[in-house]
Amino acid sequence: MKKTQIFDGFLTNDEIFELETNFRKYVDMDLWPAPYDGNKCQALYVYPGPTNKDLVCDFLTTKINNLLKEEHFCDSWHILNSYLPYGIHTDAYDDSDPNAYLHSKKEGFELGYTFLIPLSDYNSNTVVFNERAEYTKNWHNWRDKENITPCNFIETDTYNRYLTHESQAQISYFSIDTIYPWKKGNLLVMPREAFHCSDNFLKNNIFEKRALVGWSYIKND
């Protein structure tokens, strides 16, 4: 069973500078705004264009494969510019919304990991839950299909510190696996089917946070 892991110092400051430079030096970047609640923009995804996509993806994926001692395929590396906290979701393929994620499903492969590498230090965290679903990114679909009932494992103090952008009723269905602080160059590795979310970083007077993100695949045996 895939597990969530944290690796300190995965990227050096020099490596981050080089990657940021490669993203910016060409004009064929691919920009994907993520709309939210009408006219709000929740995030902006910056994908490397054809000129440097292979350079960026090969460098990061090779470095991760050497670390994990596994062969992952990841051609979805991008820079996430997050403006509003993300709610609880998975990075799995969603049968009800096949266009929800770029690079969502590949024949002959199964879901691997989500990789997240902050590009600076932020007073913010990613919360990874123990609960998982391979067939949906939507927690309502998972709850209804699996007949999940509230477990009420998350204490009020934890809710107030990290999760106030979600309702307590919603949080009642989940239990926490890992709370990952956003520290520059560190690597979060979490199963793509794991439910996760941002903390409510707006409470900490953070208006934007940036990270490298990639979604991987593993060949079916």
N, C-alpha and C. Protein backbone atom coordinates (compact mmCIF):
# COMPACT_ATOMS: atom_id res chain seq x y z
N MET A 1 0.85 -1.20 0.00
CA MET A 1 0.00 0.00 0.00
C MET A 1 0.88 1.24 0.00
N LYS A 2 0.58 2.16 -0.92
CA LYS A 2 1.37 3.38 -1.00
C LYS A 2 1.19 4.22 0.27
N LYS A 3 2.25 4.89 0.69
CA LYS A 3 2.20 5.69 1.90
C LYS A 3 2.68 7.12 1.64
N THR A 4 2.28 8.02 2.50
CA THR A 4 2.72 9.41 2.44
C THR A 4 4.08 9.54 3.09
N GLN A 5 4.97 10.28 2.43
CA GLN A 5 6.33 10.48 2.93
C GLN A 5 6.75 11.93 2.74
N ILE A 6 7.67 12.38 3.60
CA ILE A 6 8.24 13.72 3.50
C ILE A 6 9.75 13.59 3.44
N PHE A 7 10.37 14.29 2.50
CA PHE A 7 11.83 14.29 2.35
C PHE A 7 12.33 15.72 2.44
N ASP A 8 13.13 15.99 3.47
CA ASP A 8 13.68 17.33 3.66
C ASP A 8 14.82 17.58 2.67
N GLY A 9 14.91 18.83 2.20
CA GLY A 9 16.03 19.22 1.36
C GLY A 9 16.11 18.50 0.04
N PHE A 10 14.97 18.15 -0.55
CA PHE A 10 14.98 17.42 -1.82
C PHE A 10 15.60 18.26 -2.93
N LEU A 11 15.24 19.53 -3.00
CA LEU A 11 15.83 20.44 -3.96
C LEU A 11 16.65 21.50 -3.24
N THR A 12 17.82 21.80 -3.77
CA THR A 12 18.64 22.88 -3.23
C THR A 12 18.14 24.22 -3.75
N ASN A 13 18.60 25.30 -3.13
CA ASN A 13 18.25 26.63 -3.62
C ASN A 13 18.71 26.84 -5.06
N ASP A 14 19.88 26.34 -5.39
CA ASP A 14 20.41 26.48 -6.75
C ASP A 14 19.54 25.72 -7.75
N GLU A 15 19.08 24.52 -7.38
CA GLU A 15 18.22 23.74 -8.28
C GLU A 15 16.88 24.44 -8.48
N ILE A 16 16.33 25.01 -7.42
CA ILE A 16 15.07 25.74 -7.54
C ILE A 16 15.25 26.96 -8.44
N PHE A 17 16.35 27.67 -8.27
CA PHE A 17 16.61 28.84 -9.12
C PHE A 17 16.71 28.42 -10.58
N GLU A 18 17.39 27.32 -10.86
CA GLU A 18 17.54 26.85 -12.23
C GLU A 18 16.19 26.45 -12.82
N LEU A 19 15.36 25.76 -12.04
CA LEU A 19 14.04 25.37 -12.53
C LEU A 19 13.15 26.58 -12.78
N GLU A 20 13.16 27.53 -11.86
CA GLU A 20 12.38 28.76 -12.06
C GLU A 20 12.85 29.49 -13.32
N THR A 21 14.15 29.52 -13.53
CA THR A 21 14.71 30.17 -14.72
C THR A 21 14.22 29.47 -15.98
N ASN A 22 14.22 28.13 -15.97
CA ASN A 22 13.77 27.39 -17.14
C ASN A 22 12.30 27.61 -17.44
N PHE A 23 11.49 27.78 -16.39
CA PHE A 23 10.08 28.07 -16.62
C PHE A 23 9.89 29.42 -17.30
N ARG A 24 10.75 30.38 -16.98
CA ARG A 24 10.55 31.76 -17.42
C ARG A 24 11.25 32.12 -18.72
N LYS A 25 12.23 31.35 -19.12
CA LYS A 25 13.09 31.80 -20.21
C LYS A 25 12.45 31.63 -21.59
N TYR A 26 11.36 30.85 -21.68
CA TYR A 26 10.70 30.64 -22.96
C TYR A 26 9.28 31.19 -22.92
N VAL A 27 8.78 31.60 -24.08
CA VAL A 27 7.47 32.26 -24.13
C VAL A 27 6.33 31.27 -24.35
N ASP A 28 6.64 29.97 -24.44
CA ASP A 28 5.59 29.01 -24.74
C ASP A 28 5.07 28.31 -23.48
N MET A 29 5.13 28.99 -22.34
CA MET A 29 4.52 28.44 -21.12
C MET A 29 3.02 28.25 -21.34
N ASP A 30 2.46 27.27 -20.67
CA ASP A 30 1.05 26.93 -20.78
C ASP A 30 0.36 27.31 -19.47
N LEU A 31 -0.50 28.30 -19.49
CA LEU A 31 -1.13 28.84 -18.28
C LEU A 31 -2.57 28.32 -18.17
N TRP A 32 -2.90 27.78 -16.99
CA TRP A 32 -4.23 27.24 -16.73
C TRP A 32 -4.81 27.88 -15.47
N PRO A 33 -5.67 28.89 -15.62
CA PRO A 33 -6.34 29.44 -14.43
C PRO A 33 -7.41 28.49 -13.93
N ALA A 34 -7.55 28.40 -12.61
CA ALA A 34 -8.57 27.55 -12.00
C ALA A 34 -9.68 28.43 -11.43
N PRO A 35 -10.83 28.51 -12.10
CA PRO A 35 -11.92 29.36 -11.59
C PRO A 35 -12.54 28.78 -10.33
N TYR A 36 -13.12 29.66 -9.54
CA TYR A 36 -13.74 29.23 -8.29
C TYR A 36 -14.83 30.22 -7.91
N ASP A 37 -16.01 29.71 -7.60
CA ASP A 37 -17.10 30.53 -7.06
C ASP A 37 -17.35 31.75 -7.94
N GLY A 38 -17.71 31.49 -9.17
CA GLY A 38 -18.04 32.58 -10.07
C GLY A 38 -16.80 33.21 -10.68
N ASN A 39 -16.52 34.46 -10.29
CA ASN A 39 -15.44 35.19 -10.94
C ASN A 39 -14.13 35.17 -10.14
N LYS A 40 -14.03 34.34 -9.11
CA LYS A 40 -12.79 34.24 -8.36
C LYS A 40 -11.83 33.28 -9.05
N CYS A 41 -10.53 33.51 -8.86
CA CYS A 41 -9.52 32.60 -9.38
C CYS A 41 -8.84 31.93 -8.19
N GLN A 42 -9.01 30.62 -8.09
CA GLN A 42 -8.47 29.88 -6.96
C GLN A 42 -6.97 29.66 -7.10
N ALA A 43 -6.52 29.44 -8.33
CA ALA A 43 -5.11 29.13 -8.55
C ALA A 43 -4.78 29.34 -10.02
N LEU A 44 -3.48 29.43 -10.28
CA LEU A 44 -2.97 29.48 -11.65
C LEU A 44 -1.92 28.39 -11.78
N TYR A 45 -2.09 27.50 -12.76
CA TYR A 45 -1.13 26.43 -13.04
C TYR A 45 -0.25 26.88 -14.21
N VAL A 46 1.06 26.83 -14.00
CA VAL A 46 2.01 27.22 -15.05
C VAL A 46 2.76 25.96 -15.49
N TYR A 47 2.45 25.49 -16.70
CA TYR A 47 3.11 24.32 -17.26
C TYR A 47 4.25 24.76 -18.18
N PRO A 48 5.38 24.04 -18.15
CA PRO A 48 6.42 24.36 -19.11
C PRO A 48 5.94 24.06 -20.52
N GLY A 49 6.32 24.92 -21.47
CA GLY A 49 5.92 24.71 -22.85
C GLY A 49 6.75 23.63 -23.53
N PRO A 50 6.47 23.36 -24.80
CA PRO A 50 7.20 22.31 -25.53
C PRO A 50 8.71 22.51 -25.55
N THR A 51 9.16 23.76 -25.48
CA THR A 51 10.58 24.03 -25.56
C THR A 51 11.36 23.39 -24.42
N ASN A 52 10.80 23.43 -23.23
CA ASN A 52 11.57 22.96 -22.06
C ASN A 52 10.83 21.95 -21.20
N LYS A 53 9.70 21.44 -21.69
CA LYS A 53 8.93 20.49 -20.88
C LYS A 53 9.76 19.24 -20.55
N ASP A 54 10.42 18.66 -21.55
CA ASP A 54 11.19 17.44 -21.30
C ASP A 54 12.32 17.70 -20.31
N LEU A 55 12.96 18.85 -20.42
CA LEU A 55 14.06 19.19 -19.51
C LEU A 55 13.58 19.23 -18.06
N VAL A 56 12.47 19.93 -17.82
CA VAL A 56 11.94 20.09 -16.47
C VAL A 56 11.43 18.75 -15.94
N CYS A 57 10.61 18.06 -16.74
CA CYS A 57 9.99 16.81 -16.26
C CYS A 57 11.03 15.71 -16.06
N ASP A 58 11.98 15.61 -16.97
CA ASP A 58 12.99 14.56 -16.85
C ASP A 58 13.87 14.78 -15.63
N PHE A 59 14.25 16.02 -15.37
CA PHE A 59 15.10 16.30 -14.22
C PHE A 59 14.40 15.92 -12.92
N LEU A 60 13.17 16.40 -12.74
CA LEU A 60 12.46 16.17 -11.48
C LEU A 60 12.08 14.70 -11.31
N THR A 61 11.59 14.07 -12.38
CA THR A 61 11.16 12.68 -12.27
C THR A 61 12.34 11.75 -12.03
N THR A 62 13.45 11.99 -12.71
CA THR A 62 14.64 11.16 -12.49
C THR A 62 15.14 11.29 -11.06
N LYS A 63 15.13 12.49 -10.54
CA LYS A 63 15.59 12.72 -9.16
C LYS A 63 14.68 11.99 -8.17
N ILE A 64 13.38 12.01 -8.42
CA ILE A 64 12.44 11.32 -7.54
C ILE A 64 12.58 9.80 -7.67
N ASN A 65 12.72 9.31 -8.88
CA ASN A 65 12.89 7.86 -9.07
C ASN A 65 14.14 7.35 -8.35
N ASN A 66 15.20 8.12 -8.40
CA ASN A 66 16.42 7.73 -7.69
C ASN A 66 16.21 7.72 -6.18
N LEU A 67 15.38 8.63 -5.70
CA LEU A 67 15.10 8.71 -4.27
C LEU A 67 14.20 7.56 -3.82
N LEU A 68 13.14 7.30 -4.56
CA LEU A 68 12.14 6.31 -4.15
C LEU A 68 12.51 4.89 -4.57
N LYS A 69 13.50 4.76 -5.45
CA LYS A 69 13.91 3.44 -5.95
C LYS A 69 12.74 2.76 -6.66
N GLU A 70 11.93 3.56 -7.36
CA GLU A 70 10.81 3.09 -8.14
C GLU A 70 10.78 3.85 -9.45
N GLU A 71 10.13 3.25 -10.46
CA GLU A 71 10.03 3.94 -11.74
C GLU A 71 8.66 4.59 -11.86
N HIS A 72 8.66 5.90 -11.69
CA HIS A 72 7.44 6.69 -11.86
C HIS A 72 7.53 7.45 -13.17
N PHE A 73 6.37 7.65 -13.79
CA PHE A 73 6.29 8.45 -15.00
C PHE A 73 5.49 9.70 -14.67
N CYS A 74 6.05 10.85 -14.96
CA CYS A 74 5.40 12.10 -14.57
C CYS A 74 5.71 13.17 -15.60
N ASP A 75 4.74 13.44 -16.47
CA ASP A 75 4.91 14.48 -17.49
C ASP A 75 4.01 15.68 -17.21
N SER A 76 3.55 15.79 -15.97
CA SER A 76 2.59 16.84 -15.62
C SER A 76 3.17 17.90 -14.68
N TRP A 77 4.49 17.96 -14.56
CA TRP A 77 5.10 18.93 -13.64
C TRP A 77 4.71 20.36 -14.02
N HIS A 78 4.38 21.12 -13.00
CA HIS A 78 3.98 22.51 -13.21
C HIS A 78 4.21 23.30 -11.93
N ILE A 79 4.10 24.60 -12.03
CA ILE A 79 4.16 25.47 -10.85
C ILE A 79 2.73 25.85 -10.48
N LEU A 80 2.36 25.55 -9.26
CA LEU A 80 1.06 25.94 -8.71
C LEU A 80 1.20 27.29 -8.03
N ASN A 81 0.40 28.25 -8.46
CA ASN A 81 0.25 29.53 -7.76
C ASN A 81 -1.12 29.51 -7.11
N SER A 82 -1.17 29.32 -5.80
CA SER A 82 -2.43 29.12 -5.09
C SER A 82 -2.85 30.41 -4.39
N TYR A 83 -4.09 30.84 -4.65
CA TYR A 83 -4.61 32.09 -4.09
C TYR A 83 -5.70 31.86 -3.05
N LEU A 84 -6.41 30.76 -3.16
CA LEU A 84 -7.46 30.42 -2.21
C LEU A 84 -7.26 28.97 -1.76
N PRO A 85 -7.55 28.65 -0.51
CA PRO A 85 -7.32 27.29 -0.01
C PRO A 85 -8.14 26.25 -0.76
N TYR A 86 -7.49 25.17 -1.15
CA TYR A 86 -8.19 24.06 -1.77
C TYR A 86 -8.93 23.25 -0.71
N GLY A 87 -10.14 22.80 -1.06
CA GLY A 87 -10.90 21.94 -0.19
C GLY A 87 -10.47 20.49 -0.33
N ILE A 88 -11.17 19.60 0.35
CA ILE A 88 -10.81 18.18 0.37
C ILE A 88 -11.10 17.55 -0.99
N HIS A 89 -10.10 16.84 -1.53
CA HIS A 89 -10.21 16.20 -2.83
C HIS A 89 -9.11 15.15 -2.96
N THR A 90 -9.20 14.33 -3.99
CA THR A 90 -8.08 13.46 -4.38
C THR A 90 -7.53 13.96 -5.70
N ASP A 91 -6.38 13.39 -6.10
CA ASP A 91 -5.84 13.65 -7.43
C ASP A 91 -6.01 12.41 -8.31
N ALA A 92 -7.06 11.66 -8.03
CA ALA A 92 -7.38 10.46 -8.80
C ALA A 92 -8.14 10.82 -10.06
N TYR A 93 -8.26 9.84 -10.95
CA TYR A 93 -9.14 9.99 -12.10
C TYR A 93 -10.58 9.96 -11.62
N ASP A 94 -11.41 10.81 -12.19
CA ASP A 94 -12.80 10.89 -11.77
C ASP A 94 -13.72 10.48 -12.91
N ASP A 95 -14.39 9.33 -12.74
CA ASP A 95 -15.27 8.83 -13.79
C ASP A 95 -16.40 9.81 -14.12
N SER A 96 -16.80 10.61 -13.15
CA SER A 96 -17.89 11.54 -13.38
C SER A 96 -17.42 12.86 -13.99
N ASP A 97 -16.11 13.08 -14.02
CA ASP A 97 -15.57 14.34 -14.54
C ASP A 97 -14.20 14.06 -15.16
N PRO A 98 -14.15 13.42 -16.33
CA PRO A 98 -12.87 12.99 -16.90
C PRO A 98 -11.96 14.13 -17.31
N ASN A 99 -12.50 15.35 -17.40
CA ASN A 99 -11.67 16.49 -17.78
C ASN A 99 -11.18 17.28 -16.56
N ALA A 100 -11.40 16.74 -15.38
CA ALA A 100 -11.08 17.49 -14.17
C ALA A 100 -9.59 17.69 -13.99
N TYR A 101 -8.78 16.74 -14.45
CA TYR A 101 -7.34 16.84 -14.30
C TYR A 101 -6.64 16.61 -15.64
N LEU A 102 -5.68 17.45 -15.92
CA LEU A 102 -4.81 17.21 -17.06
C LEU A 102 -4.01 15.94 -16.79
N HIS A 103 -3.81 15.14 -17.84
CA HIS A 103 -3.06 13.88 -17.70
C HIS A 103 -3.73 12.96 -16.67
N SER A 104 -5.03 12.79 -16.77
CA SER A 104 -5.74 12.09 -15.72
C SER A 104 -5.60 10.57 -15.79
N LYS A 105 -5.56 10.00 -16.99
CA LYS A 105 -5.60 8.54 -17.06
C LYS A 105 -4.81 8.08 -18.27
N LYS A 106 -3.99 7.06 -18.08
CA LYS A 106 -3.18 6.52 -19.16
C LYS A 106 -3.37 5.00 -19.22
N GLU A 107 -3.59 4.50 -20.41
CA GLU A 107 -3.78 3.06 -20.58
C GLU A 107 -2.50 2.31 -20.23
N GLY A 108 -2.65 1.24 -19.46
CA GLY A 108 -1.50 0.44 -19.07
C GLY A 108 -0.80 0.92 -17.81
N PHE A 109 -1.33 1.98 -17.18
CA PHE A 109 -0.72 2.54 -15.99
C PHE A 109 -1.75 2.62 -14.86
N GLU A 110 -1.26 2.64 -13.64
CA GLU A 110 -2.11 2.91 -12.49
C GLU A 110 -1.63 4.18 -11.81
N LEU A 111 -2.47 4.70 -10.95
CA LEU A 111 -2.13 5.94 -10.26
C LEU A 111 -0.89 5.76 -9.39
N GLY A 112 -0.03 6.77 -9.41
CA GLY A 112 1.16 6.76 -8.56
C GLY A 112 1.00 7.73 -7.41
N TYR A 113 1.85 8.76 -7.40
CA TYR A 113 1.87 9.72 -6.31
C TYR A 113 1.65 11.14 -6.81
N THR A 114 1.20 11.97 -5.89
CA THR A 114 1.28 13.42 -6.06
C THR A 114 2.56 13.89 -5.39
N PHE A 115 3.33 14.70 -6.10
CA PHE A 115 4.56 15.28 -5.57
C PHE A 115 4.36 16.78 -5.39
N LEU A 116 4.80 17.32 -4.26
CA LEU A 116 4.66 18.74 -3.98
C LEU A 116 5.94 19.27 -3.36
N ILE A 117 6.49 20.34 -3.96
CA ILE A 117 7.75 20.94 -3.50
C ILE A 117 7.56 22.45 -3.39
N PRO A 118 7.41 23.00 -2.18
CA PRO A 118 7.25 24.46 -2.05
C PRO A 118 8.47 25.21 -2.60
N LEU A 119 8.20 26.36 -3.20
CA LEU A 119 9.26 27.19 -3.78
C LEU A 119 9.72 28.29 -2.84
N SER A 120 9.13 28.34 -1.67
CA SER A 120 9.55 29.26 -0.62
C SER A 120 9.00 28.72 0.70
N ASP A 121 9.40 29.33 1.80
CA ASP A 121 8.82 28.98 3.10
C ASP A 121 7.50 29.72 3.29
N TYR A 122 6.48 29.00 3.71
CA TYR A 122 5.18 29.61 3.97
C TYR A 122 4.64 29.10 5.30
N ASN A 123 3.95 29.96 6.01
CA ASN A 123 3.26 29.55 7.23
C ASN A 123 1.95 28.88 6.84
N SER A 124 2.09 27.71 6.22
CA SER A 124 0.95 26.99 5.66
C SER A 124 1.29 25.52 5.59
N ASN A 125 0.26 24.70 5.42
CA ASN A 125 0.42 23.25 5.44
C ASN A 125 -0.51 22.59 4.44
N THR A 126 -0.13 21.40 4.02
CA THR A 126 -1.04 20.51 3.32
C THR A 126 -1.45 19.41 4.29
N VAL A 127 -2.74 19.15 4.37
CA VAL A 127 -3.27 18.13 5.27
C VAL A 127 -3.64 16.90 4.44
N VAL A 128 -3.00 15.77 4.75
CA VAL A 128 -3.28 14.51 4.05
C VAL A 128 -4.07 13.61 4.98
N PHE A 129 -5.17 13.07 4.49
CA PHE A 129 -6.04 12.23 5.29
C PHE A 129 -5.77 10.74 5.02
N ASN A 130 -6.20 9.91 5.93
CA ASN A 130 -6.05 8.46 5.77
C ASN A 130 -7.01 7.89 4.72
N GLU A 131 -8.11 8.55 4.51
CA GLU A 131 -9.16 8.04 3.63
C GLU A 131 -8.75 8.20 2.16
N ARG A 132 -9.16 7.24 1.31
CA ARG A 132 -8.74 7.22 -0.08
C ARG A 132 -9.88 6.80 -1.01
N ALA A 133 -9.77 7.23 -2.26
CA ALA A 133 -10.69 6.79 -3.31
C ALA A 133 -9.97 6.90 -4.65
N GLU A 134 -9.95 5.80 -5.41
CA GLU A 134 -9.28 5.77 -6.70
C GLU A 134 -10.17 6.22 -7.85
N TYR A 135 -11.48 6.31 -7.62
CA TYR A 135 -12.43 6.51 -8.71
C TYR A 135 -13.05 7.90 -8.73
N THR A 136 -12.71 8.75 -7.77
CA THR A 136 -13.31 10.07 -7.73
C THR A 136 -12.39 11.05 -7.00
N LYS A 137 -12.51 12.30 -7.34
CA LYS A 137 -11.82 13.34 -6.58
C LYS A 137 -12.77 14.02 -5.58
N ASN A 138 -14.04 13.66 -5.66
CA ASN A 138 -15.08 14.33 -4.89
C ASN A 138 -15.43 13.51 -3.65
N TRP A 139 -15.29 14.11 -2.48
CA TRP A 139 -15.53 13.36 -1.24
C TRP A 139 -17.00 12.97 -1.08
N HIS A 140 -17.92 13.78 -1.63
CA HIS A 140 -19.33 13.42 -1.55
C HIS A 140 -19.60 12.09 -2.27
N ASN A 141 -19.00 11.93 -3.46
CA ASN A 141 -19.19 10.69 -4.22
C ASN A 141 -18.67 9.48 -3.43
N TRP A 142 -17.50 9.65 -2.82
CA TRP A 142 -16.91 8.58 -2.01
C TRP A 142 -17.80 8.25 -0.82
N ARG A 143 -18.26 9.26 -0.11
CA ARG A 143 -19.11 9.04 1.07
C ARG A 143 -20.38 8.29 0.70
N ASP A 144 -21.01 8.71 -0.40
CA ASP A 144 -22.28 8.11 -0.77
C ASP A 144 -22.10 6.69 -1.31
N LYS A 145 -21.07 6.47 -2.12
CA LYS A 145 -20.86 5.14 -2.70
C LYS A 145 -20.46 4.11 -1.64
N GLU A 146 -19.64 4.52 -0.69
CA GLU A 146 -19.12 3.60 0.33
C GLU A 146 -19.96 3.59 1.60
N ASN A 147 -21.03 4.40 1.63
CA ASN A 147 -21.89 4.51 2.82
C ASN A 147 -21.08 4.86 4.06
N ILE A 148 -20.23 5.86 3.92
CA ILE A 148 -19.36 6.29 5.01
C ILE A 148 -20.16 7.08 6.04
N THR A 149 -19.93 6.81 7.30
CA THR A 149 -20.54 7.57 8.38
C THR A 149 -19.47 8.37 9.11
N PRO A 150 -19.84 9.44 9.77
CA PRO A 150 -18.83 10.27 10.46
C PRO A 150 -18.05 9.48 11.50
N CYS A 151 -16.75 9.76 11.57
CA CYS A 151 -15.90 9.11 12.57
C CYS A 151 -15.49 10.08 13.69
N ASN A 152 -15.53 11.40 13.38
CA ASN A 152 -15.25 12.44 14.38
C ASN A 152 -13.89 12.25 15.06
N PHE A 153 -12.87 11.94 14.25
CA PHE A 153 -11.54 11.73 14.78
C PHE A 153 -10.71 13.01 14.91
N ILE A 154 -11.11 14.06 14.22
CA ILE A 154 -10.33 15.30 14.21
C ILE A 154 -10.82 16.20 15.34
N GLU A 155 -9.91 16.55 16.23
CA GLU A 155 -10.26 17.35 17.40
C GLU A 155 -10.54 18.80 17.01
N THR A 156 -11.31 19.47 17.86
CA THR A 156 -11.70 20.85 17.58
C THR A 156 -10.50 21.77 17.46
N ASP A 157 -9.48 21.59 18.29
CA ASP A 157 -8.29 22.44 18.22
C ASP A 157 -7.60 22.29 16.87
N THR A 158 -7.52 21.07 16.36
CA THR A 158 -6.90 20.83 15.05
C THR A 158 -7.74 21.46 13.94
N TYR A 159 -9.04 21.29 14.05
CA TYR A 159 -9.94 21.93 13.09
C TYR A 159 -9.74 23.44 13.07
N ASN A 160 -9.72 24.06 14.23
CA ASN A 160 -9.59 25.51 14.31
C ASN A 160 -8.25 26.01 13.79
N ARG A 161 -7.22 25.19 13.94
CA ARG A 161 -5.89 25.62 13.51
C ARG A 161 -5.70 25.51 12.00
N TYR A 162 -6.27 24.45 11.39
CA TYR A 162 -5.95 24.18 9.99
C TYR A 162 -7.14 24.21 9.03
N LEU A 163 -8.34 23.90 9.48
CA LEU A 163 -9.38 23.46 8.54
C LEU A 163 -10.64 24.29 8.55
N THR A 164 -10.56 25.52 8.98
CA THR A 164 -11.77 26.33 9.12
C THR A 164 -12.37 26.77 7.78
N HIS A 165 -11.70 26.51 6.67
CA HIS A 165 -12.31 26.79 5.36
C HIS A 165 -13.27 25.67 4.95
N GLU A 166 -13.31 24.59 5.74
CA GLU A 166 -14.26 23.50 5.52
C GLU A 166 -15.22 23.44 6.71
N SER A 167 -16.39 22.87 6.50
CA SER A 167 -17.33 22.75 7.61
C SER A 167 -16.92 21.61 8.53
N GLN A 168 -17.26 21.72 9.79
CA GLN A 168 -16.97 20.64 10.73
C GLN A 168 -17.74 19.38 10.37
N ALA A 169 -18.90 19.52 9.78
CA ALA A 169 -19.66 18.35 9.35
C ALA A 169 -18.89 17.58 8.29
N GLN A 170 -18.26 18.28 7.36
CA GLN A 170 -17.48 17.61 6.33
C GLN A 170 -16.24 16.96 6.92
N ILE A 171 -15.56 17.66 7.79
CA ILE A 171 -14.34 17.16 8.41
C ILE A 171 -14.62 15.89 9.23
N SER A 172 -15.84 15.73 9.69
CA SER A 172 -16.17 14.59 10.56
C SER A 172 -15.99 13.24 9.89
N TYR A 173 -15.87 13.22 8.55
CA TYR A 173 -15.72 11.95 7.83
C TYR A 173 -14.26 11.53 7.68
N PHE A 174 -13.33 12.35 8.20
CA PHE A 174 -11.92 12.11 7.89
C PHE A 174 -11.06 12.01 9.15
N SER A 175 -9.90 11.37 8.95
CA SER A 175 -8.87 11.30 9.99
C SER A 175 -7.54 11.67 9.35
N ILE A 176 -6.65 12.26 10.11
CA ILE A 176 -5.43 12.84 9.55
C ILE A 176 -4.29 11.83 9.53
N ASP A 177 -3.67 11.72 8.38
CA ASP A 177 -2.45 10.94 8.20
C ASP A 177 -1.23 11.82 8.47
N THR A 178 -1.11 12.93 7.73
CA THR A 178 0.09 13.77 7.77
C THR A 178 -0.30 15.23 7.63
N ILE A 179 0.38 16.08 8.38
CA ILE A 179 0.30 17.52 8.18
C ILE A 179 1.67 17.98 7.72
N TYR A 180 1.74 18.48 6.51
CA TYR A 180 3.01 18.78 5.85
C TYR A 180 3.24 20.29 5.81
N PRO A 181 4.24 20.80 6.55
CA PRO A 181 4.55 22.23 6.49
C PRO A 181 5.22 22.60 5.17
N TRP A 182 4.86 23.74 4.63
CA TRP A 182 5.43 24.20 3.37
C TRP A 182 6.79 24.85 3.62
N LYS A 183 7.84 24.07 3.45
CA LYS A 183 9.21 24.54 3.60
C LYS A 183 9.94 24.40 2.26
N LYS A 184 10.64 25.42 1.88
CA LYS A 184 11.28 25.49 0.57
C LYS A 184 12.17 24.28 0.30
N GLY A 185 11.94 23.63 -0.84
CA GLY A 185 12.78 22.53 -1.28
C GLY A 185 12.45 21.17 -0.71
N ASN A 186 11.58 21.11 0.31
CA ASN A 186 11.18 19.82 0.85
C ASN A 186 10.16 19.16 -0.09
N LEU A 187 10.08 17.85 -0.02
CA LEU A 187 9.22 17.09 -0.93
C LEU A 187 8.15 16.33 -0.15
N LEU A 188 6.90 16.54 -0.55
CA LEU A 188 5.80 15.71 -0.06
C LEU A 188 5.46 14.68 -1.14
N VAL A 189 5.41 13.42 -0.74
CA VAL A 189 5.01 12.32 -1.62
C VAL A 189 3.76 11.71 -1.02
N MET A 190 2.64 11.80 -1.72
CA MET A 190 1.39 11.24 -1.19
C MET A 190 0.65 10.48 -2.29
N PRO A 191 -0.04 9.40 -1.95
CA PRO A 191 -0.81 8.66 -2.96
C PRO A 191 -1.84 9.56 -3.62
N ARG A 192 -1.96 9.46 -4.92
CA ARG A 192 -2.90 10.31 -5.64
C ARG A 192 -4.34 10.08 -5.20
N GLU A 193 -4.63 8.87 -4.71
CA GLU A 193 -5.99 8.56 -4.28
C GLU A 193 -6.28 9.02 -2.85
N ALA A 194 -5.29 9.57 -2.16
CA ALA A 194 -5.50 10.03 -0.78
C ALA A 194 -6.24 11.37 -0.79
N PHE A 195 -7.28 11.47 0.03
CA PHE A 195 -7.93 12.77 0.20
C PHE A 195 -6.97 13.71 0.91
N HIS A 196 -6.97 14.97 0.48
CA HIS A 196 -6.08 15.96 1.08
C HIS A 196 -6.65 17.34 0.81
N CYS A 197 -6.09 18.33 1.49
CA CYS A 197 -6.52 19.71 1.27
C CYS A 197 -5.45 20.66 1.78
N SER A 198 -5.61 21.91 1.42
CA SER A 198 -4.79 22.96 2.01
C SER A 198 -5.29 23.25 3.42
N ASP A 199 -4.46 23.93 4.19
CA ASP A 199 -5.00 24.56 5.40
C ASP A 199 -5.61 25.90 5.00
N ASN A 200 -6.19 26.60 5.94
CA ASN A 200 -6.79 27.91 5.65
C ASN A 200 -5.71 28.98 5.77
N PHE A 201 -4.83 29.03 4.76
CA PHE A 201 -3.67 29.92 4.85
C PHE A 201 -4.04 31.39 4.83
N LEU A 202 -5.25 31.72 4.41
CA LEU A 202 -5.67 33.13 4.43
C LEU A 202 -5.71 33.67 5.86
N LYS A 203 -5.97 32.77 6.83
CA LYS A 203 -5.96 33.19 8.24
C LYS A 203 -4.58 33.65 8.69
N ASN A 204 -3.54 33.19 7.99
CA ASN A 204 -2.17 33.55 8.33
C ASN A 204 -1.66 34.72 7.49
N ASN A 205 -2.60 35.44 6.86
CA ASN A 205 -2.28 36.62 6.05
C ASN A 205 -1.37 36.27 4.87
N ILE A 206 -1.58 35.09 4.30
CA ILE A 206 -0.87 34.66 3.09
C ILE A 206 -1.83 34.82 1.92
N PHE A 207 -1.40 35.57 0.92
CA PHE A 207 -2.27 35.84 -0.23
C PHE A 207 -1.92 34.97 -1.44
N GLU A 208 -0.75 34.36 -1.42
CA GLU A 208 -0.34 33.47 -2.50
C GLU A 208 0.75 32.54 -1.97
N LYS A 209 0.71 31.28 -2.41
CA LYS A 209 1.81 30.36 -2.13
C LYS A 209 2.09 29.56 -3.39
N ARG A 210 3.36 29.21 -3.58
CA ARG A 210 3.80 28.63 -4.84
C ARG A 210 4.56 27.33 -4.58
N ALA A 211 4.35 26.36 -5.47
CA ALA A 211 5.02 25.08 -5.33
C ALA A 211 5.11 24.39 -6.68
N LEU A 212 6.10 23.53 -6.82
CA LEU A 212 6.15 22.58 -7.93
C LEU A 212 5.25 21.39 -7.60
N VAL A 213 4.44 20.98 -8.57
CA VAL A 213 3.52 19.86 -8.36
C VAL A 213 3.59 18.94 -9.57
N GLY A 214 3.55 17.63 -9.30
CA GLY A 214 3.47 16.65 -10.38
C GLY A 214 2.62 15.47 -9.95
N TRP A 215 1.95 14.84 -10.93
CA TRP A 215 1.12 13.66 -10.68
C TRP A 215 1.70 12.49 -11.46
N SER A 216 2.04 11.41 -10.77
CA SER A 216 2.77 10.32 -11.43
C SER A 216 1.90 9.10 -11.71
N TYR A 217 2.46 8.22 -12.56
CA TYR A 217 1.87 6.93 -12.91
C TYR A 217 2.90 5.84 -12.70
N ILE A 218 2.40 4.63 -12.47
CA ILE A 218 3.24 3.46 -12.37
C ILE A 218 2.69 2.43 -13.34
N LYS A 219 3.56 1.73 -14.05
CA LYS A 219 3.11 0.71 -15.01
C LYS A 219 2.39 -0.42 -14.29
N ASN A 220 1.30 -0.87 -14.89
CA ASN A 220 0.62 -2.04 -14.34
C ASN A 220 1.51 -3.27 -14.47
N ASP A 221 1.49 -4.13 -13.46
CA ASP A 221 2.26 -5.37 -13.53
C ASP A 221 1.64 -6.35 -14.52
